[in-house]
């Protein structure tokens, strides 16, 4: 599973915990095996992103960017 920041700070509803978020940035959660299972990407809150990314991950969550963002 991969978590990417979206750069969006508008109000939204977290699609993982169903809580309404007003200020925190949104993150995009991309499940492993997306093509096989046919599951969709989810817009999640920071709390869920930390849980899915893992606290012991070597790459900090704040520094991660999507590969598409690095090309442009």
PDB file of N, CA and C in Angstrom:
ATOM      1  N   UNK A   1       0.839  -1.174   0.000  1.00  0.00           N
ATOM      2  CA  UNK A   1       0.000   0.000   0.000  1.00  0.00           C
ATOM      3  C   UNK A   1       0.877   1.227   0.000  1.00  0.00           C
ATOM      4  N   UNK A   2       0.475   2.183  -0.751  1.00  0.00           N
ATOM      5  CA  UNK A   2       1.246   3.399  -0.896  1.00  0.00           C
ATOM      6  C   UNK A   2       0.378   4.587  -0.513  1.00  0.00           C
ATOM      7  N   UNK A   3       0.977   5.540   0.177  1.00  0.00           N
ATOM      8  CA  UNK A   3       0.271   6.756   0.585  1.00  0.00           C
ATOM      9  C   UNK A   3       1.001   7.945  -0.016  1.00  0.00           C
ATOM     10  N   UNK A   4       0.259   8.842  -0.704  1.00  0.00           N
ATOM     11  CA  UNK A   4       0.822  10.029  -1.335  1.00  0.00           C
ATOM     12  C   UNK A   4       0.075  11.264  -0.849  1.00  0.00           C
ATOM     13  N   UNK A   5       0.786  12.366  -0.532  1.00  0.00           N
ATOM     14  CA  UNK A   5       0.087  13.616  -0.215  1.00  0.00           C
ATOM     15  C   UNK A   5      -0.528  14.210  -1.477  1.00  0.00           C
ATOM     16  N   UNK A   6      -1.685  14.817  -1.344  1.00  0.00           N
ATOM     17  CA  UNK A   6      -2.351  15.397  -2.507  1.00  0.00           C
ATOM     18  C   UNK A   6      -2.163  16.900  -2.613  1.00  0.00           C
ATOM     19  N   UNK A   7      -1.714  17.557  -1.527  1.00  0.00           N
ATOM     20  CA  UNK A   7      -1.546  19.004  -1.556  1.00  0.00           C
ATOM     21  C   UNK A   7      -2.860  19.735  -1.409  1.00  0.00           C
ATOM     22  N   UNK A   8      -3.909  19.032  -1.066  1.00  0.00           N
ATOM     23  CA  UNK A   8      -5.232  19.627  -0.945  1.00  0.00           C
ATOM     24  C   UNK A   8      -5.546  19.890   0.522  1.00  0.00           C
ATOM     25  N   UNK A   9      -6.008  21.095   0.856  1.00  0.00           N
ATOM     26  CA  UNK A   9      -6.317  21.436   2.238  1.00  0.00           C
ATOM     27  C   UNK A   9      -7.759  21.895   2.408  1.00  0.00           C
ATOM     28  N   UNK A  10      -8.628  21.545   1.483  1.00  0.00           N
ATOM     29  CA  UNK A  10     -10.030  21.922   1.571  1.00  0.00           C
ATOM     30  C   UNK A  10     -10.778  20.906   2.425  1.00  0.00           C
ATOM     31  N   UNK A  11     -11.946  21.235   2.932  1.00  0.00           N
ATOM     32  CA  UNK A  11     -12.732  20.264   3.704  1.00  0.00           C
ATOM     33  C   UNK A  11     -13.087  19.044   2.860  1.00  0.00           C
ATOM     34  N   UNK A  12     -13.009  17.868   3.470  1.00  0.00           N
ATOM     35  CA  UNK A  12     -13.323  16.612   2.796  1.00  0.00           C
ATOM     36  C   UNK A  12     -13.692  15.570   3.841  1.00  0.00           C
ATOM     37  N   UNK A  13     -14.242  14.466   3.394  1.00  0.00           N
ATOM     38  CA  UNK A  13     -14.563  13.359   4.288  1.00  0.00           C
ATOM     39  C   UNK A  13     -13.579  12.228   4.023  1.00  0.00           C
ATOM     40  N   UNK A  14     -12.932  11.759   5.081  1.00  0.00           N
ATOM     41  CA  UNK A  14     -11.973  10.660   4.959  1.00  0.00           C
ATOM     42  C   UNK A  14     -12.737   9.403   4.535  1.00  0.00           C
ATOM     43  N   UNK A  15     -12.279   8.756   3.470  1.00  0.00           N
ATOM     44  CA  UNK A  15     -12.966   7.584   2.949  1.00  0.00           C
ATOM     45  C   UNK A  15     -12.591   6.303   3.697  1.00  0.00           C
ATOM     46  N   UNK A  16     -11.659   6.401   4.664  1.00  0.00           N
ATOM     47  CA  UNK A  16     -11.271   5.234   5.430  1.00  0.00           C
ATOM     48  C   UNK A  16     -11.959   5.218   6.799  1.00  0.00           C
ATOM     49  N   UNK A  17     -11.952   6.354   7.510  1.00  0.00           N
ATOM     50  CA  UNK A  17     -12.567   6.402   8.842  1.00  0.00           C
ATOM     51  C   UNK A  17     -13.893   7.158   8.837  1.00  0.00           C
ATOM     52  N   UNK A  18     -14.292   7.740   7.717  1.00  0.00           N
ATOM     53  CA  UNK A  18     -15.572   8.454   7.528  1.00  0.00           C
ATOM     54  C   UNK A  18     -15.722   9.685   8.418  1.00  0.00           C
ATOM     55  N   UNK A  19     -14.615  10.298   8.840  1.00  0.00           N
ATOM     56  CA  UNK A  19     -14.686  11.527   9.624  1.00  0.00           C
ATOM     57  C   UNK A  19     -14.518  12.729   8.707  1.00  0.00           C
ATOM     58  N   UNK A  20     -15.235  13.799   8.997  1.00  0.00           N
ATOM     59  CA  UNK A  20     -15.144  15.037   8.213  1.00  0.00           C
ATOM     60  C   UNK A  20     -13.904  15.800   8.652  1.00  0.00           C
ATOM     61  N   UNK A  21     -13.032  16.147   7.725  1.00  0.00           N
ATOM     62  CA  UNK A  21     -11.798  16.875   8.002  1.00  0.00           C
ATOM     63  C   UNK A  21     -11.932  18.291   7.468  1.00  0.00           C
ATOM     64  N   UNK A  22     -11.518  19.279   8.259  1.00  0.00           N
ATOM     65  CA  UNK A  22     -11.656  20.669   7.837  1.00  0.00           C
ATOM     66  C   UNK A  22     -10.349  21.289   7.353  1.00  0.00           C
ATOM     67  N   UNK A  23      -9.237  21.092   8.089  1.00  0.00           N
ATOM     68  CA  UNK A  23      -7.989  21.734   7.721  1.00  0.00           C
ATOM     69  C   UNK A  23      -6.869  20.799   7.285  1.00  0.00           C
ATOM     70  N   UNK A  24      -6.683  19.646   7.878  1.00  0.00           N
ATOM     71  CA  UNK A  24      -5.493  18.850   7.577  1.00  0.00           C
ATOM     72  C   UNK A  24      -5.412  18.457   6.106  1.00  0.00           C
ATOM     73  N   UNK A  25      -4.200  18.256   5.617  1.00  0.00           N
ATOM     74  CA  UNK A  25      -4.059  17.876   4.202  1.00  0.00           C
ATOM     75  C   UNK A  25      -4.600  16.487   3.934  1.00  0.00           C
ATOM     76  N   UNK A  26      -5.052  16.276   2.726  1.00  0.00           N
ATOM     77  CA  UNK A  26      -5.559  14.962   2.310  1.00  0.00           C
ATOM     78  C   UNK A  26      -4.406  14.133   1.761  1.00  0.00           C
ATOM     79  N   UNK A  27      -4.535  12.830   1.870  1.00  0.00           N
ATOM     80  CA  UNK A  27      -3.559  11.891   1.329  1.00  0.00           C
ATOM     81  C   UNK A  27      -4.294  10.912   0.433  1.00  0.00           C
ATOM     82  N   UNK A  28      -3.597  10.407  -0.559  1.00  0.00           N
ATOM     83  CA  UNK A  28      -4.171   9.443  -1.488  1.00  0.00           C
ATOM     84  C   UNK A  28      -3.599   8.075  -1.158  1.00  0.00           C
ATOM     85  N   UNK A  29      -4.449   7.120  -0.818  1.00  0.00           N
ATOM     86  CA  UNK A  29      -4.033   5.760  -0.486  1.00  0.00           C
ATOM     87  C   UNK A  29      -4.256   4.875  -1.701  1.00  0.00           C
ATOM     88  N   UNK A  30      -3.165   4.276  -2.201  1.00  0.00           N
ATOM     89  CA  UNK A  30      -3.218   3.400  -3.364  1.00  0.00           C
ATOM     90  C   UNK A  30      -2.983   1.979  -2.886  1.00  0.00           C
ATOM     91  N   UNK A  31      -3.976   1.095  -2.977  1.00  0.00           N
ATOM     92  CA  UNK A  31      -3.811  -0.277  -2.479  1.00  0.00           C
ATOM     93  C   UNK A  31      -2.890  -1.106  -3.364  1.00  0.00           C
ATOM     94  N   UNK A  32      -2.196  -2.073  -2.731  1.00  0.00           N
ATOM     95  CA  UNK A  32      -1.381  -3.014  -3.496  1.00  0.00           C
ATOM     96  C   UNK A  32      -2.308  -3.924  -4.285  1.00  0.00           C
ATOM     97  N   UNK A  33      -1.890  -4.346  -5.447  1.00  0.00           N
ATOM     98  CA  UNK A  33      -2.706  -5.233  -6.275  1.00  0.00           C
ATOM     99  C   UNK A  33      -3.955  -4.554  -6.794  1.00  0.00           C
ATOM    100  N   UNK A  34      -3.849  -3.276  -7.081  1.00  0.00           N
ATOM    101  CA  UNK A  34      -5.008  -2.489  -7.526  1.00  0.00           C
ATOM    102  C   UNK A  34      -5.597  -3.042  -8.819  1.00  0.00           C
ATOM    103  N   UNK A  35      -4.737  -3.446  -9.743  1.00  0.00           N
ATOM    104  CA  UNK A  35      -5.217  -3.952 -11.033  1.00  0.00           C
ATOM    105  C   UNK A  35      -5.905  -5.304 -10.882  1.00  0.00           C
ATOM    106  N   UNK A  36      -5.414  -6.115  -9.961  1.00  0.00           N
ATOM    107  CA  UNK A  36      -5.993  -7.452  -9.770  1.00  0.00           C
ATOM    108  C   UNK A  36      -7.343  -7.378  -9.067  1.00  0.00           C
ATOM    109  N   UNK A  37      -7.390  -6.600  -7.987  1.00  0.00           N
ATOM    110  CA  UNK A  37      -8.610  -6.549  -7.183  1.00  0.00           C
ATOM    111  C   UNK A  37      -9.639  -5.557  -7.713  1.00  0.00           C
ATOM    112  N   UNK A  38      -9.195  -4.573  -8.486  1.00  0.00           N
ATOM    113  CA  UNK A  38     -10.120  -3.572  -9.023  1.00  0.00           C
ATOM    114  C   UNK A  38     -10.558  -2.545  -7.991  1.00  0.00           C
ATOM    115  N   UNK A  39      -9.830  -2.432  -6.873  1.00  0.00           N
ATOM    116  CA  UNK A  39     -10.206  -1.464  -5.852  1.00  0.00           C
ATOM    117  C   UNK A  39      -9.758  -0.061  -6.263  1.00  0.00           C
ATOM    118  N   UNK A  40     -10.392   0.950  -5.699  1.00  0.00           N
ATOM    119  CA  UNK A  40     -10.118   2.329  -6.082  1.00  0.00           C
ATOM    120  C   UNK A  40      -9.208   3.006  -5.064  1.00  0.00           C
ATOM    121  N   UNK A  41      -8.598   4.110  -5.474  1.00  0.00           N
ATOM    122  CA  UNK A  41      -7.783   4.918  -4.569  1.00  0.00           C
ATOM    123  C   UNK A  41      -8.709   5.623  -3.586  1.00  0.00           C
ATOM    124  N   UNK A  42      -8.237   5.817  -2.361  1.00  0.00           N
ATOM    125  CA  UNK A  42      -9.037   6.472  -1.342  1.00  0.00           C
ATOM    126  C   UNK A  42      -8.372   7.767  -0.900  1.00  0.00           C
ATOM    127  N   UNK A  43      -9.171   8.819  -0.673  1.00  0.00           N
ATOM    128  CA  UNK A  43      -8.671  10.060  -0.087  1.00  0.00           C
ATOM    129  C   UNK A  43      -8.832   9.920   1.416  1.00  0.00           C
ATOM    130  N   UNK A  44      -7.699   9.955   2.142  1.00  0.00           N
ATOM    131  CA  UNK A  44      -7.731   9.690   3.575  1.00  0.00           C
ATOM    132  C   UNK A  44      -7.133  10.846   4.360  1.00  0.00           C
ATOM    133  N   UNK A  45      -7.402  10.881   5.669  1.00  0.00           N
ATOM    134  CA  UNK A  45      -6.902  11.933   6.549  1.00  0.00           C
ATOM    135  C   UNK A  45      -5.477  11.605   7.006  1.00  0.00           C
ATOM    136  N   UNK A  46      -4.858  12.546   7.703  1.00  0.00           N
ATOM    137  CA  UNK A  46      -3.475  12.377   8.138  1.00  0.00           C
ATOM    138  C   UNK A  46      -3.353  11.233   9.135  1.00  0.00           C
ATOM    139  N   UNK A  47      -4.296  11.087  10.041  1.00  0.00           N
ATOM    140  CA  UNK A  47      -4.243  10.012  11.032  1.00  0.00           C
ATOM    141  C   UNK A  47      -4.259   8.640  10.362  1.00  0.00           C
ATOM    142  N   UNK A  48      -5.117   8.452   9.384  1.00  0.00           N
ATOM    143  CA  UNK A  48      -5.171   7.179   8.654  1.00  0.00           C
ATOM    144  C   UNK A  48      -3.923   6.990   7.798  1.00  0.00           C
ATOM    145  N   UNK A  49      -3.390   8.089   7.235  1.00  0.00           N
ATOM    146  CA  UNK A  49      -2.180   8.006   6.416  1.00  0.00           C
ATOM    147  C   UNK A  49      -0.994   7.555   7.250  1.00  0.00           C
ATOM    148  N   UNK A  50      -0.875   8.065   8.462  1.00  0.00           N
ATOM    149  CA  UNK A  50       0.212   7.645   9.349  1.00  0.00           C
ATOM    150  C   UNK A  50       0.073   6.172   9.681  1.00  0.00           C
ATOM    151  N   UNK A  51      -1.134   5.729   9.935  1.00  0.00           N
ATOM    152  CA  UNK A  51      -1.367   4.321  10.254  1.00  0.00           C
ATOM    153  C   UNK A  51      -1.018   3.414   9.071  1.00  0.00           C
ATOM    154  N   UNK A  52      -1.407   3.791   7.866  1.00  0.00           N
ATOM    155  CA  UNK A  52      -1.153   2.965   6.693  1.00  0.00           C
ATOM    156  C   UNK A  52       0.309   3.037   6.233  1.00  0.00           C
ATOM    157  N   UNK A  53       0.935   4.196   6.381  1.00  0.00           N
ATOM    158  CA  UNK A  53       2.329   4.369   5.959  1.00  0.00           C
ATOM    159  C   UNK A  53       3.291   3.672   6.920  1.00  0.00           C
ATOM    160  N   UNK A  54       2.970   3.714   8.188  1.00  0.00           N
ATOM    161  CA  UNK A  54       3.811   3.086   9.205  1.00  0.00           C
ATOM    162  C   UNK A  54       4.743   4.102   9.844  1.00  0.00           C
ATOM    163  N   UNK A  55       4.875   4.047  11.149  1.00  0.00           N
ATOM    164  CA  UNK A  55       5.736   4.996  11.862  1.00  0.00           C
ATOM    165  C   UNK A  55       7.215   4.670  11.698  1.00  0.00           C
ATOM    166  N   UNK A  56       7.549   3.416  11.409  1.00  0.00           N
ATOM    167  CA  UNK A  56       8.947   2.996  11.305  1.00  0.00           C
ATOM    168  C   UNK A  56       9.461   3.024   9.866  1.00  0.00           C
ATOM    169  N   UNK A  57       8.675   3.541   8.935  1.00  0.00           N
ATOM    170  CA  UNK A  57       9.085   3.631   7.541  1.00  0.00           C
ATOM    171  C   UNK A  57      10.237   4.623   7.415  1.00  0.00           C
ATOM    172  N   UNK A  58      11.255   4.288   6.604  1.00  0.00           N
ATOM    173  CA  UNK A  58      12.439   5.142   6.469  1.00  0.00           C
ATOM    174  C   UNK A  58      12.135   6.454   5.764  1.00  0.00           C
ATOM    175  N   UNK A  59      11.170   6.480   4.853  1.00  0.00           N
ATOM    176  CA  UNK A  59      10.793   7.700   4.156  1.00  0.00           C
ATOM    177  C   UNK A  59       9.698   8.407   4.945  1.00  0.00           C
ATOM    178  N   UNK A  60       9.961   9.609   5.462  1.00  0.00           N
ATOM    179  CA  UNK A  60       8.918  10.323   6.216  1.00  0.00           C
ATOM    180  C   UNK A  60       7.701  10.617   5.338  1.00  0.00           C
ATOM    181  N   UNK A  61       6.548  10.583   5.923  1.00  0.00           N
ATOM    182  CA  UNK A  61       5.304  10.799   5.192  1.00  0.00           C
ATOM    183  C   UNK A  61       5.244  12.197   4.576  1.00  0.00           C
ATOM    184  N   UNK A  62       5.777  13.214   5.239  1.00  0.00           N
ATOM    185  CA  UNK A  62       5.716  14.593   4.747  1.00  0.00           C
ATOM    186  C   UNK A  62       6.584  14.803   3.515  1.00  0.00           C
ATOM    187  N   UNK A  63       7.644  14.001   3.327  1.00  0.00           N
ATOM    188  CA  UNK A  63       8.552  14.202   2.213  1.00  0.00           C
ATOM    189  C   UNK A  63       8.168  13.389   0.980  1.00  0.00           C
ATOM    190  N   UNK A  64       7.189  12.505   1.095  1.00  0.00           N
ATOM    191  CA  UNK A  64       6.806  11.663  -0.036  1.00  0.00           C
ATOM    192  C   UNK A  64       6.035  12.473  -1.071  1.00  0.00           C
ATOM    193  N   UNK A  65       6.325  12.217  -2.340  1.00  0.00           N
ATOM    194  CA  UNK A  65       5.554  12.809  -3.432  1.00  0.00           C
ATOM    195  C   UNK A  65       5.245  11.727  -4.433  1.00  0.00           C
ATOM    196  N   UNK A  66       4.248  11.952  -5.229  1.00  0.00           N
ATOM    197  CA  UNK A  66       3.885  10.989  -6.263  1.00  0.00           C
ATOM    198  C   UNK A  66       4.903  11.048  -7.385  1.00  0.00           C
ATOM    199  N   UNK A  67       5.072   9.957  -8.078  1.00  0.00           N
ATOM    200  CA  UNK A  67       6.006   9.920  -9.205  1.00  0.00           C
ATOM    201  C   UNK A  67       5.576  10.893 -10.304  1.00  0.00           C
ATOM    202  N   UNK A  68       4.265  11.075 -10.504  1.00  0.00           N
ATOM    203  CA  UNK A  68       3.785  12.003 -11.519  1.00  0.00           C
ATOM    204  C   UNK A  68       4.169  13.442 -11.159  1.00  0.00           C
ATOM    205  N   UNK A  69       4.199  13.762  -9.856  1.00  0.00           N
ATOM    206  CA  UNK A  69       4.561  15.109  -9.433  1.00  0.00           C
ATOM    207  C   UNK A  69       6.046  15.402  -9.656  1.00  0.00           C
ATOM    208  N   UNK A  70       6.908  14.393  -9.561  1.00  0.00           N
ATOM    209  CA  UNK A  70       8.339  14.592  -9.753  1.00  0.00           C
ATOM    210  C   UNK A  70       8.686  14.846 -11.222  1.00  0.00           C
ATOM    211  N   UNK A  71       7.907  14.295 -12.148  1.00  0.00           N
ATOM    212  CA  UNK A  71       8.189  14.480 -13.561  1.00  0.00           C
ATOM    213  C   UNK A  71       7.958  15.910 -14.016  1.00  0.00           C
ATOM    214  N   UNK A  72       6.954  16.564 -13.446  1.00  0.00           N
ATOM    215  CA  UNK A  72       6.554  17.896 -13.917  1.00  0.00           C
ATOM    216  C   UNK A  72       7.256  19.003 -13.304  1.00  0.00           C
TER     217      UNK A  72
END
